[in-house]
PDB file of all heavy atoms in Angstrom:
ATOM      1  N   ILE A   1     102.088  80.707  80.446  1.00  0.00           N
ATOM      2  CA  ILE A   1     101.387  81.672  81.315  1.00  0.00           C
ATOM      3  C   ILE A   1     102.438  82.629  81.892  1.00  0.00           C
ATOM      4  O   ILE A   1     103.319  82.217  82.650  1.00  0.00           O
ATOM      5  CB  ILE A   1     100.642  80.951  82.436  1.00  0.00           C
ATOM      6  CG1 ILE A   1      99.566  80.040  81.884  1.00  0.00           C
ATOM      7  CG2 ILE A   1      99.985  81.992  83.382  1.00  0.00           C
ATOM      8  CD1 ILE A   1      98.832  79.206  82.931  1.00  0.00           C
ATOM      9  N   ILE A   2     102.404  83.867  81.500  1.00  0.00           N
ATOM     10  CA  ILE A   2     103.349  84.870  81.955  1.00  0.00           C
ATOM     11  C   ILE A   2     102.969  85.377  83.345  1.00  0.00           C
ATOM     12  O   ILE A   2     103.807  85.563  84.223  1.00  0.00           O
ATOM     13  CB  ILE A   2     103.436  86.045  80.935  1.00  0.00           C
ATOM     14  CG1 ILE A   2     103.915  85.543  79.600  1.00  0.00           C
ATOM     15  CG2 ILE A   2     104.368  87.144  81.495  1.00  0.00           C
ATOM     16  CD1 ILE A   2     103.861  86.598  78.506  1.00  0.00           C
ATOM     17  N   SER A   3     101.675  85.620  83.520  1.00  0.00           N
ATOM     18  CA  SER A   3     101.169  86.128  84.809  1.00  0.00           C
ATOM     19  C   SER A   3      99.766  85.606  85.012  1.00  0.00           C
ATOM     20  O   SER A   3      98.825  85.995  84.283  1.00  0.00           O
ATOM     21  CB  SER A   3     101.207  87.693  84.818  1.00  0.00           C
ATOM     22  OG  SER A   3     100.604  88.162  86.016  1.00  0.00           O
ATOM     23  N   ARG A   4      99.607  84.706  85.982  1.00  0.00           N
ATOM     24  CA  ARG A   4      98.282  84.086  86.198  1.00  0.00           C
ATOM     25  C   ARG A   4      97.420  84.988  87.038  1.00  0.00           C
ATOM     26  O   ARG A   4      97.804  85.437  88.107  1.00  0.00           O
ATOM     27  CB  ARG A   4      98.447  82.742  86.860  1.00  0.00           C
ATOM     28  CG  ARG A   4      97.171  81.940  86.946  1.00  0.00           C
ATOM     29  CD  ARG A   4      97.372  80.535  87.559  1.00  0.00           C
ATOM     30  NE  ARG A   4      96.185  79.769  87.526  1.00  0.00           N
ATOM     31  CZ  ARG A   4      95.213  79.800  88.423  1.00  0.00           C
ATOM     32  NH1 ARG A   4      95.339  80.650  89.473  1.00  0.00           N
ATOM     33  NH2 ARG A   4      94.118  79.064  88.338  1.00  0.00           N
ATOM     34  N   ALA A   5      96.196  85.275  86.531  1.00  0.00           N
ATOM     35  CA  ALA A   5      95.258  86.100  87.293  1.00  0.00           C
ATOM     36  C   ALA A   5      94.491  85.277  88.306  1.00  0.00           C
ATOM     37  O   ALA A   5      94.126  84.111  88.007  1.00  0.00           O
ATOM     38  CB  ALA A   5      94.249  86.773  86.305  1.00  0.00           C
ATOM     39  N   ALA A   6      94.242  85.822  89.480  1.00  0.00           N
ATOM     40  CA  ALA A   6      93.436  85.163  90.481  1.00  0.00           C
ATOM     41  C   ALA A   6      92.033  84.917  89.886  1.00  0.00           C
ATOM     42  O   ALA A   6      91.501  85.759  89.136  1.00  0.00           O
ATOM     43  CB  ALA A   6      93.309  86.020  91.729  1.00  0.00           C
ATOM     44  N   PRO A   7      91.426  83.790  90.207  1.00  0.00           N
ATOM     45  CA  PRO A   7      90.132  83.438  89.577  1.00  0.00           C
ATOM     46  C   PRO A   7      88.929  84.259  90.035  1.00  0.00           C
ATOM     47  O   PRO A   7      87.923  84.275  89.390  1.00  0.00           O
ATOM     48  CB  PRO A   7      89.998  81.954  89.910  1.00  0.00           C
ATOM     49  CG  PRO A   7      90.774  81.794  91.192  1.00  0.00           C
ATOM     50  CD  PRO A   7      91.916  82.733  91.081  1.00  0.00           C
ATOM     51  N   ASP A   8      89.105  84.920  91.190  1.00  0.00           N
ATOM     52  CA  ASP A   8      87.918  85.632  91.773  1.00  0.00           C
ATOM     53  C   ASP A   8      87.864  87.071  91.302  1.00  0.00           C
ATOM     54  O   ASP A   8      87.985  88.026  92.068  1.00  0.00           O
ATOM     55  CB  ASP A   8      88.008  85.562  93.314  1.00  0.00           C
ATOM     56  CG  ASP A   8      89.305  86.099  93.850  1.00  0.00           C
ATOM     57  OD1 ASP A   8      90.319  86.089  93.114  1.00  0.00           O
ATOM     58  OD2 ASP A   8      89.305  86.540  95.050  1.00  0.00           O
ATOM     59  N   LEU A   9      87.688  87.261  89.996  1.00  0.00           N
ATOM     60  CA  LEU A   9      87.647  88.645  89.429  1.00  0.00           C
ATOM     61  C   LEU A   9      86.448  89.406  90.006  1.00  0.00           C
ATOM     62  O   LEU A   9      85.317  88.950  89.968  1.00  0.00           O
ATOM     63  CB  LEU A   9      87.501  88.574  87.923  1.00  0.00           C
ATOM     64  CG  LEU A   9      88.682  88.055  87.092  1.00  0.00           C
ATOM     65  CD1 LEU A   9      88.297  87.949  85.638  1.00  0.00           C
ATOM     66  CD2 LEU A   9      89.892  88.966  87.278  1.00  0.00           C
ATOM     67  N   PRO A  10      86.718  90.602  90.558  1.00  0.00           N
ATOM     68  CA  PRO A  10      85.613  91.411  91.119  1.00  0.00           C
ATOM     69  C   PRO A  10      84.812  92.070  90.046  1.00  0.00           C
ATOM     70  O   PRO A  10      83.757  92.684  90.327  1.00  0.00           O
ATOM     71  CB  PRO A  10      86.344  92.441  91.975  1.00  0.00           C
ATOM     72  CG  PRO A  10      87.683  92.610  91.362  1.00  0.00           C
ATOM     73  CD  PRO A  10      88.040  91.250  90.801  1.00  0.00           C
ATOM     74  N   TYR A  11      85.299  92.072  88.801  1.00  0.00           N
ATOM     75  CA  TYR A  11      84.582  92.708  87.683  1.00  0.00           C
ATOM     76  C   TYR A  11      84.690  91.799  86.480  1.00  0.00           C
ATOM     77  O   TYR A  11      85.773  91.317  86.142  1.00  0.00           O
ATOM     78  CB  TYR A  11      85.157  94.082  87.404  1.00  0.00           C
ATOM     79  CG  TYR A  11      84.474  94.787  86.226  1.00  0.00           C
ATOM     80  CD1 TYR A  11      83.327  95.526  86.425  1.00  0.00           C
ATOM     81  CD2 TYR A  11      85.024  94.680  84.943  1.00  0.00           C
ATOM     82  CE1 TYR A  11      82.710  96.148  85.334  1.00  0.00           C
ATOM     83  CE2 TYR A  11      84.414  95.317  83.873  1.00  0.00           C
ATOM     84  CZ  TYR A  11      83.255  96.046  84.073  1.00  0.00           C
ATOM     85  OH  TYR A  11      82.623  96.650  83.030  1.00  0.00           O
ATOM     86  N   GLN A  12      83.587  91.609  85.751  1.00  0.00           N
ATOM     87  CA  GLN A  12      83.609  90.720  84.568  1.00  0.00           C
ATOM     88  C   GLN A  12      84.063  91.531  83.353  1.00  0.00           C
ATOM     89  O   GLN A  12      83.276  92.239  82.710  1.00  0.00           O
ATOM     90  CB  GLN A  12      82.195  90.141  84.319  1.00  0.00           C
ATOM     91  CG  GLN A  12      82.162  89.137  83.218  1.00  0.00           C
ATOM     92  CD  GLN A  12      80.751  88.545  82.998  1.00  0.00           C
ATOM     93  OE1 GLN A  12      79.854  88.884  83.727  1.00  0.00           O
ATOM     94  NE2 GLN A  12      80.611  87.704  81.998  1.00  0.00           N
ATOM     95  N   VAL A  13      85.341  91.415  83.072  1.00  0.00           N
ATOM     96  CA  VAL A  13      85.917  92.232  81.975  1.00  0.00           C
ATOM     97  C   VAL A  13      85.259  91.940  80.644  1.00  0.00           C
ATOM     98  O   VAL A  13      85.068  92.862  79.835  1.00  0.00           O
ATOM     99  CB  VAL A  13      87.420  91.952  81.906  1.00  0.00           C
ATOM    100  CG1 VAL A  13      88.017  92.665  80.673  1.00  0.00           C
ATOM    101  CG2 VAL A  13      88.127  92.417  83.191  1.00  0.00           C
ATOM    102  N   ASN A  14      84.893  90.707  80.380  1.00  0.00           N
ATOM    103  CA  ASN A  14      84.289  90.369  79.099  1.00  0.00           C
ATOM    104  C   ASN A  14      82.768  90.446  79.082  1.00  0.00           C
ATOM    105  O   ASN A  14      82.088  89.968  78.172  1.00  0.00           O
ATOM    106  CB  ASN A  14      84.718  88.935  78.644  1.00  0.00           C
ATOM    107  CG  ASN A  14      84.299  87.884  79.649  1.00  0.00           C
ATOM    108  OD1 ASN A  14      83.402  88.087  80.474  1.00  0.00           O
ATOM    109  ND2 ASN A  14      84.903  86.713  79.557  1.00  0.00           N
ATOM    110  N   GLY A  15      82.200  91.119  80.125  1.00  0.00           N
ATOM    111  CA  GLY A  15      80.781  91.268  80.221  1.00  0.00           C
ATOM    112  C   GLY A  15      80.206  92.382  79.370  1.00  0.00           C
ATOM    113  O   GLY A  15      80.924  93.135  78.703  1.00  0.00           O
ATOM    114  N   ASP A  16      78.882  92.455  79.382  1.00  0.00           N
ATOM    115  CA  ASP A  16      78.143  93.483  78.618  1.00  0.00           C
ATOM    116  C   ASP A  16      78.132  94.785  79.436  1.00  0.00           C
ATOM    117  O   ASP A  16      77.570  94.873  80.487  1.00  0.00           O
ATOM    118  CB  ASP A  16      76.731  93.025  78.341  1.00  0.00           C
ATOM    119  CG  ASP A  16      75.959  93.944  77.456  1.00  0.00           C
ATOM    120  OD1 ASP A  16      76.439  95.081  77.204  1.00  0.00           O
ATOM    121  OD2 ASP A  16      74.867  93.582  77.000  1.00  0.00           O
ATOM    122  N   VAL A  17      78.790  95.805  78.875  1.00  0.00           N
ATOM    123  CA  VAL A  17      78.876  97.089  79.612  1.00  0.00           C
ATOM    124  C   VAL A  17      77.510  97.663  79.826  1.00  0.00           C
ATOM    125  O   VAL A  17      77.237  98.290  80.884  1.00  0.00           O
ATOM    126  CB  VAL A  17      79.734  98.106  78.799  1.00  0.00           C
ATOM    127  CG1 VAL A  17      79.702  99.473  79.423  1.00  0.00           C
ATOM    128  CG2 VAL A  17      81.163  97.593  78.664  1.00  0.00           C
ATOM    129  N   ALA A  18      76.586  97.465  78.898  1.00  0.00           N
ATOM    130  CA  ALA A  18      75.216  98.029  79.052  1.00  0.00           C
ATOM    131  C   ALA A  18      74.487  97.459  80.238  1.00  0.00           C
ATOM    132  O   ALA A  18      73.511  98.063  80.738  1.00  0.00           O
ATOM    133  CB  ALA A  18      74.453  97.780  77.738  1.00  0.00           C
ATOM    134  N   LYS A  19      74.899  96.266  80.674  1.00  0.00           N
ATOM    135  CA  LYS A  19      74.203  95.628  81.806  1.00  0.00           C
ATOM    136  C   LYS A  19      74.963  95.833  83.147  1.00  0.00           C
ATOM    137  O   LYS A  19      74.641  95.197  84.117  1.00  0.00           O
ATOM    138  CB  LYS A  19      74.044  94.147  81.491  1.00  0.00           C
ATOM    139  CG  LYS A  19      73.183  93.887  80.280  1.00  0.00           C
ATOM    140  CD  LYS A  19      73.069  92.356  80.037  1.00  0.00           C
ATOM    141  CE  LYS A  19      72.194  92.082  78.792  1.00  0.00           C
ATOM    142  NZ  LYS A  19      72.098  90.602  78.528  1.00  0.00           N
ATOM    143  N   THR A  20      75.969  96.681  83.119  1.00  0.00           N
ATOM    144  CA  THR A  20      76.776  96.905  84.301  1.00  0.00           C
ATOM    145  C   THR A  20      76.546  98.360  84.783  1.00  0.00           C
ATOM    146  O   THR A  20      76.627  99.279  83.984  1.00  0.00           O
ATOM    147  CB  THR A  20      78.266  96.700  84.040  1.00  0.00           C
ATOM    148  OG1 THR A  20      78.437  95.408  83.436  1.00  0.00           O
ATOM    149  CG2 THR A  20      79.074  96.772  85.292  1.00  0.00           C
ATOM    150  N   GLY A  21      76.274  98.528  86.054  1.00  0.00           N
ATOM    151  CA  GLY A  21      76.048  99.842  86.583  1.00  0.00           C
ATOM    152  C   GLY A  21      77.307 100.706  86.597  1.00  0.00           C
ATOM    153  O   GLY A  21      78.428 100.176  86.662  1.00  0.00           O
ATOM    154  N   LEU A  22      77.153 102.027  86.458  1.00  0.00           N
ATOM    155  CA  LEU A  22      78.330 102.922  86.373  1.00  0.00           C
ATOM    156  C   LEU A  22      79.162 102.837  87.664  1.00  0.00           C
ATOM    157  O   LEU A  22      80.400 102.862  87.587  1.00  0.00           O
ATOM    158  CB  LEU A  22      77.858 104.351  86.143  1.00  0.00           C
ATOM    159  CG  LEU A  22      78.967 105.384  86.083  1.00  0.00           C
ATOM    160  CD1 LEU A  22      79.931 105.088  84.979  1.00  0.00           C
ATOM    161  CD2 LEU A  22      78.371 106.810  85.882  1.00  0.00           C
ATOM    162  N   GLU A  23      78.520 102.734  88.814  1.00  0.00           N
ATOM    163  CA  GLU A  23      79.309 102.685  90.038  1.00  0.00           C
ATOM    164  C   GLU A  23      80.174 101.455  90.102  1.00  0.00           C
ATOM    165  O   GLU A  23      81.327 101.510  90.537  1.00  0.00           O
ATOM    166  CB  GLU A  23      78.339 102.715  91.271  1.00  0.00           C
ATOM    167  CG  GLU A  23      77.615 104.016  91.466  1.00  0.00           C
ATOM    168  CD  GLU A  23      78.582 105.174  91.632  1.00  0.00           C
ATOM    169  OE1 GLU A  23      79.487 105.097  92.499  1.00  0.00           O
ATOM    170  OE2 GLU A  23      78.470 106.156  90.871  1.00  0.00           O
ATOM    171  N   SER A  24      79.669 100.333  89.621  1.00  0.00           N
ATOM    172  CA  SER A  24      80.511  99.119  89.580  1.00  0.00           C
ATOM    173  C   SER A  24      81.665  99.302  88.593  1.00  0.00           C
ATOM    174  O   SER A  24      82.814  98.875  88.890  1.00  0.00           O
ATOM    175  CB  SER A  24      79.639  97.913  89.149  1.00  0.00           C
ATOM    176  OG  SER A  24      80.424  96.755  89.018  1.00  0.00           O
ATOM    177  N   ILE A  25      81.401  99.916  87.457  1.00  0.00           N
ATOM    178  CA  ILE A  25      82.475 100.175  86.485  1.00  0.00           C
ATOM    179  C   ILE A  25      83.544 101.034  87.071  1.00  0.00           C
ATOM    180  O   ILE A  25      84.754 100.754  86.913  1.00  0.00           O
ATOM    181  CB  ILE A  25      81.868 100.823  85.239  1.00  0.00           C
ATOM    182  CG1 ILE A  25      81.007  99.820  84.429  1.00  0.00           C
ATOM    183  CG2 ILE A  25      82.962 101.408  84.335  1.00  0.00           C
ATOM    184  CD1 ILE A  25      80.237 100.402  83.285  1.00  0.00           C
ATOM    185  N   LEU A  26      83.168 102.098  87.780  1.00  0.00           N
ATOM    186  CA  LEU A  26      84.148 103.011  88.367  1.00  0.00           C
ATOM    187  C   LEU A  26      84.793 102.466  89.613  1.00  0.00           C
ATOM    188  O   LEU A  26      85.991 102.706  89.845  1.00  0.00           O
ATOM    189  CB  LEU A  26      83.477 104.371  88.655  1.00  0.00           C
ATOM    190  CG  LEU A  26      82.900 105.095  87.467  1.00  0.00           C
ATOM    191  CD1 LEU A  26      82.286 106.411  87.872  1.00  0.00           C
ATOM    192  CD2 LEU A  26      83.971 105.310  86.365  1.00  0.00           C
ATOM    193  N   ASP A  27      84.080 101.688  90.422  1.00  0.00           N
ATOM    194  CA  ASP A  27      84.690 101.109  91.600  1.00  0.00           C
ATOM    195  C   ASP A  27      85.776 100.100  91.229  1.00  0.00           C
ATOM    196  O   ASP A  27      86.730  99.889  92.004  1.00  0.00           O
ATOM    197  CB  ASP A  27      83.599 100.384  92.445  1.00  0.00           C
ATOM    198  CG  ASP A  27      82.681 101.363  93.175  1.00  0.00           C
ATOM    199  OD1 ASP A  27      83.078 102.529  93.322  1.00  0.00           O
ATOM    200  OD2 ASP A  27      81.614 100.935  93.640  1.00  0.00           O
ATOM    201  N   ASN A  28      85.611  99.486  90.088  1.00  0.00           N
ATOM    202  CA  ASN A  28      86.589  98.452  89.639  1.00  0.00           C
ATOM    203  C   ASN A  28      87.320  98.968  88.398  1.00  0.00           C
ATOM    204  O   ASN A  28      87.533  98.210  87.396  1.00  0.00           O
ATOM    205  CB  ASN A  28      85.846  97.159  89.290  1.00  0.00           C
ATOM    206  CG  ASN A  28      85.160  96.527  90.489  1.00  0.00           C
ATOM    207  OD1 ASN A  28      85.816  95.923  91.350  1.00  0.00           O
ATOM    208  ND2 ASN A  28      83.843  96.718  90.609  1.00  0.00           N
ATOM    209  N   ARG A  29      87.729 100.208  88.450  1.00  0.00           N
ATOM    210  CA  ARG A  29      88.283 100.869  87.252  1.00  0.00           C
ATOM    211  C   ARG A  29      89.515 100.185  86.704  1.00  0.00           C
ATOM    212  O   ARG A  29      89.696 100.118  85.477  1.00  0.00           O
ATOM    213  CB  ARG A  29      88.641 102.316  87.575  1.00  0.00           C
ATOM    214  CG  ARG A  29      88.759 103.243  86.390  1.00  0.00           C
ATOM    215  CD  ARG A  29      87.517 103.184  85.516  1.00  0.00           C
ATOM    216  NE  ARG A  29      87.388 104.342  84.629  1.00  0.00           N
ATOM    217  CZ  ARG A  29      86.553 104.346  83.627  1.00  0.00           C
ATOM    218  NH1 ARG A  29      85.826 103.274  83.314  1.00  0.00           N
ATOM    219  NH2 ARG A  29      86.431 105.448  82.875  1.00  0.00           N
ATOM    220  N   THR A  30      90.368  99.656  87.564  1.00  0.00           N
ATOM    221  CA  THR A  30      91.605  99.002  87.045  1.00  0.00           C
ATOM    222  C   THR A  30      91.289  97.783  86.159  1.00  0.00           C
ATOM    223  O   THR A  30      92.049  97.431  85.291  1.00  0.00           O
ATOM    224  CB  THR A  30      92.518  98.563  88.181  1.00  0.00           C
ATOM    225  OG1 THR A  30      91.741  97.829  89.124  1.00  0.00           O
ATOM    226  CG2 THR A  30      93.095  99.786  88.881  1.00  0.00           C
ATOM    227  N   LEU A  31      90.112  97.176  86.420  1.00  0.00           N
ATOM    228  CA  LEU A  31      89.678  96.050  85.580  1.00  0.00           C
ATOM    229  C   LEU A  31      88.750  96.496  84.474  1.00  0.00           C
ATOM    230  O   LEU A  31      88.832  95.995  83.345  1.00  0.00           O
ATOM    231  CB  LEU A  31      89.042  94.975  86.441  1.00  0.00           C
ATOM    232  CG  LEU A  31      89.964  94.107  87.288  1.00  0.00           C
ATOM    233  CD1 LEU A  31      89.153  93.139  88.133  1.00  0.00           C
ATOM    234  CD2 LEU A  31      90.913  93.328  86.370  1.00  0.00           C
ATOM    235  N   SER A  32      87.841  97.406  84.761  1.00  0.00           N
ATOM    236  CA  SER A  32      86.859  97.805  83.752  1.00  0.00           C
ATOM    237  C   SER A  32      87.503  98.465  82.522  1.00  0.00           C
ATOM    238  O   SER A  32      86.990  98.350  81.446  1.00  0.00           O
ATOM    239  CB  SER A  32      85.778  98.732  84.356  1.00  0.00           C
ATOM    240  OG  SER A  32      86.327  99.998  84.693  1.00  0.00           O
ATOM    241  N   LEU A  33      88.667  99.090  82.744  1.00  0.00           N
ATOM    242  CA  LEU A  33      89.375  99.696  81.629  1.00  0.00           C
ATOM    243  C   LEU A  33      89.933  98.673  80.644  1.00  0.00           C
ATOM    244  O   LEU A  33      90.340  98.996  79.544  1.00  0.00           O
ATOM    245  CB  LEU A  33      90.513 100.585  82.113  1.00  0.00           C
ATOM    246  CG  LEU A  33      90.092 101.961  82.697  1.00  0.00           C
ATOM    247  CD1 LEU A  33      91.235 102.622  83.394  1.00  0.00           C
ATOM    248  CD2 LEU A  33      89.488 102.841  81.618  1.00  0.00           C
ATOM    249  N   ARG A  34      89.930  97.389  81.067  1.00  0.00           N
ATOM    250  CA  ARG A  34      90.376  96.314  80.181  1.00  0.00           C
ATOM    251  C   ARG A  34      89.305  95.943  79.171  1.00  0.00           C
ATOM    252  O   ARG A  34      89.606  95.318  78.144  1.00  0.00           O
ATOM    253  CB  ARG A  34      90.809  95.084  80.960  1.00  0.00           C
ATOM    254  CG  ARG A  34      91.941  95.314  81.936  1.00  0.00           C
ATOM    255  CD  ARG A  34      92.359  94.017  82.603  1.00  0.00           C
ATOM    256  NE  ARG A  34      93.395  94.212  83.562  1.00  0.00           N
ATOM    257  CZ  ARG A  34      94.090  93.227  84.134  1.00  0.00           C
ATOM    258  NH1 ARG A  34      93.795  91.950  83.834  1.00  0.00           N
ATOM    259  NH2 ARG A  34      94.999  93.478  85.033  1.00  0.00           N
TER     260      ARG A  34
END
């Protein structure tokens, strides 16, 4: 493990984009871009 991520992710990176609102995507941009 090079860098352990905190477990409380505010955005589900592996989730379905079609089921995520645009505001949530943009509010969590540093994660949604992953």
